């Protein structure tokens, strides 16, 4: 119960998120550099959100199952989608691949 209180008060602290009311949506407030622990929706450290680790493990198991069942091959238009987009990170516009079911 204390953790839910300590997190709630941090996420609504005027000292961290002010001078505007922290309950109002003001996108400009995120332009300021803050302490990395000022917003911690999943907790921090070894006792953070149990669901986050579960979701990552489930994602890895699904990907392993997919790769076990299908072979990933280059698509016909592979070069077309490789135009880079420069936003926060460099990423291709699209990646065209095709999958074939593996023979058992």
Protein backbone atom coordinates (compact mmCIF):
# COMPACT_ATOMS: atom_id res chain seq x y z
CA UNK A 1 0.00 0.00 0.00
CA UNK A 2 2.86 2.36 0.76
CA UNK A 3 4.36 1.76 -2.68
CA UNK A 4 1.12 2.71 -4.40
CA UNK A 5 1.00 5.87 -2.27
CA UNK A 6 4.98 6.69 -2.83
CA UNK A 7 4.49 6.19 -6.68
CA UNK A 8 1.16 8.16 -6.78
CA UNK A 9 2.73 11.13 -5.00
CA UNK A 10 5.83 11.12 -7.23
CA UNK A 11 3.72 11.11 -10.40
CA UNK A 12 1.72 14.09 -9.16
CA UNK A 13 4.43 16.17 -7.49
CA UNK A 14 4.43 19.83 -8.49
CA UNK A 15 8.17 19.94 -7.66
CA UNK A 16 8.84 17.38 -10.41
CA UNK A 17 6.09 18.15 -12.93
CA UNK A 18 5.18 21.80 -12.21
CA UNK A 19 4.64 24.69 -12.32
CA UNK A 20 1.38 23.64 -14.06
CA UNK A 21 -1.04 21.28 -12.37
CA UNK A 22 0.43 17.75 -12.80
CA UNK A 23 -3.07 16.38 -13.48
CA UNK A 24 -3.43 18.51 -16.64
CA UNK A 25 -2.14 17.34 -20.02
CA UNK A 26 0.63 19.77 -20.95
CA UNK A 27 2.94 18.14 -23.56
CA UNK A 28 5.56 20.88 -23.26
CA UNK A 29 6.41 19.73 -19.74
CA UNK A 30 8.18 16.70 -21.24
CA UNK A 31 10.71 18.91 -23.03
CA UNK A 32 12.53 19.41 -19.70
CA UNK A 33 15.10 16.83 -18.61
CA UNK A 34 14.04 15.14 -15.36
CA UNK A 35 15.40 12.55 -13.01
CA UNK A 36 14.94 9.07 -14.60
CA UNK A 37 12.85 7.92 -11.64
CA UNK A 38 10.39 10.82 -11.83
CA UNK A 39 8.06 8.57 -13.84
CA UNK A 40 8.09 4.86 -13.02
CA UNK A 41 4.83 3.23 -14.07
CA UNK A 42 6.19 -0.31 -13.70
CA UNK A 43 8.35 0.20 -10.64
CA UNK A 44 12.13 0.07 -10.48
CA UNK A 45 14.73 -2.51 -9.56
CA UNK A 46 14.45 -6.24 -9.02
CA UNK A 47 10.88 -5.97 -7.72
CA UNK A 48 9.40 -4.10 -10.63
CA UNK A 49 6.27 -5.19 -12.50
CA UNK A 50 5.97 -8.98 -12.62
CA UNK A 51 3.78 -8.73 -15.71
CA UNK A 52 6.52 -7.01 -17.70
CA UNK A 53 8.87 -10.00 -17.37
CA UNK A 54 6.00 -12.38 -18.12
CA UNK A 55 5.08 -10.44 -21.27
CA UNK A 56 8.69 -10.44 -22.51
CA UNK A 57 8.99 -14.20 -21.91
CA UNK A 58 5.68 -14.79 -23.70
CA UNK A 59 6.88 -12.71 -26.65
CA UNK A 60 10.13 -14.70 -26.89
CA UNK A 61 8.26 -18.01 -26.75
CA UNK A 62 5.85 -16.88 -29.48
CA UNK A 63 8.72 -15.76 -31.71
CA UNK A 64 10.58 -19.06 -31.15
CA UNK A 65 7.43 -21.00 -32.04
CA UNK A 66 6.91 -18.90 -35.17
CA UNK A 67 10.52 -19.41 -36.30
CA UNK A 68 10.25 -23.13 -35.58
CA UNK A 69 7.15 -23.40 -37.81
CA UNK A 70 8.11 -21.03 -40.65
CA UNK A 71 11.21 -20.07 -42.63
CA UNK A 72 11.66 -16.31 -43.15
CA UNK A 73 12.88 -15.45 -46.67
CA UNK A 74 13.55 -12.16 -48.47
CA UNK A 75 10.49 -10.78 -50.23
CA UNK A 76 10.24 -9.77 -53.88
CA UNK A 77 10.26 -6.04 -53.06
CA UNK A 78 12.91 -6.18 -50.30
CA UNK A 79 14.95 -3.24 -51.64
CA UNK A 80 11.90 -0.95 -52.06
CA UNK A 81 11.18 -0.71 -48.35
CA UNK A 82 14.77 -0.08 -47.33
CA UNK A 83 14.39 3.70 -47.60
CA UNK A 84 15.55 5.02 -44.22
CA UNK A 85 13.33 7.22 -42.13
CA UNK A 86 15.15 9.47 -39.73
CA UNK A 87 13.04 10.19 -36.69
CA UNK A 88 14.27 9.48 -33.18
CA UNK A 89 15.90 6.30 -34.50
CA UNK A 90 16.91 5.21 -37.97
CA UNK A 91 14.49 2.64 -39.31
CA UNK A 92 13.48 1.33 -42.72
CA UNK A 93 10.19 2.44 -44.22
CA UNK A 94 9.12 -1.21 -44.57
CA UNK A 95 10.71 -4.64 -44.62
CA UNK A 96 9.23 -6.99 -47.19
CA UNK A 97 9.72 -10.64 -46.30
CA UNK A 98 7.85 -13.82 -47.03
CA UNK A 99 7.37 -16.87 -44.87
CA UNK A 100 7.16 -20.50 -45.89
CA UNK A 101 5.84 -23.30 -43.72
CA UNK A 102 8.61 -25.69 -42.80
CA UNK A 103 8.26 -29.34 -43.71
CA UNK A 104 8.10 -31.64 -40.74
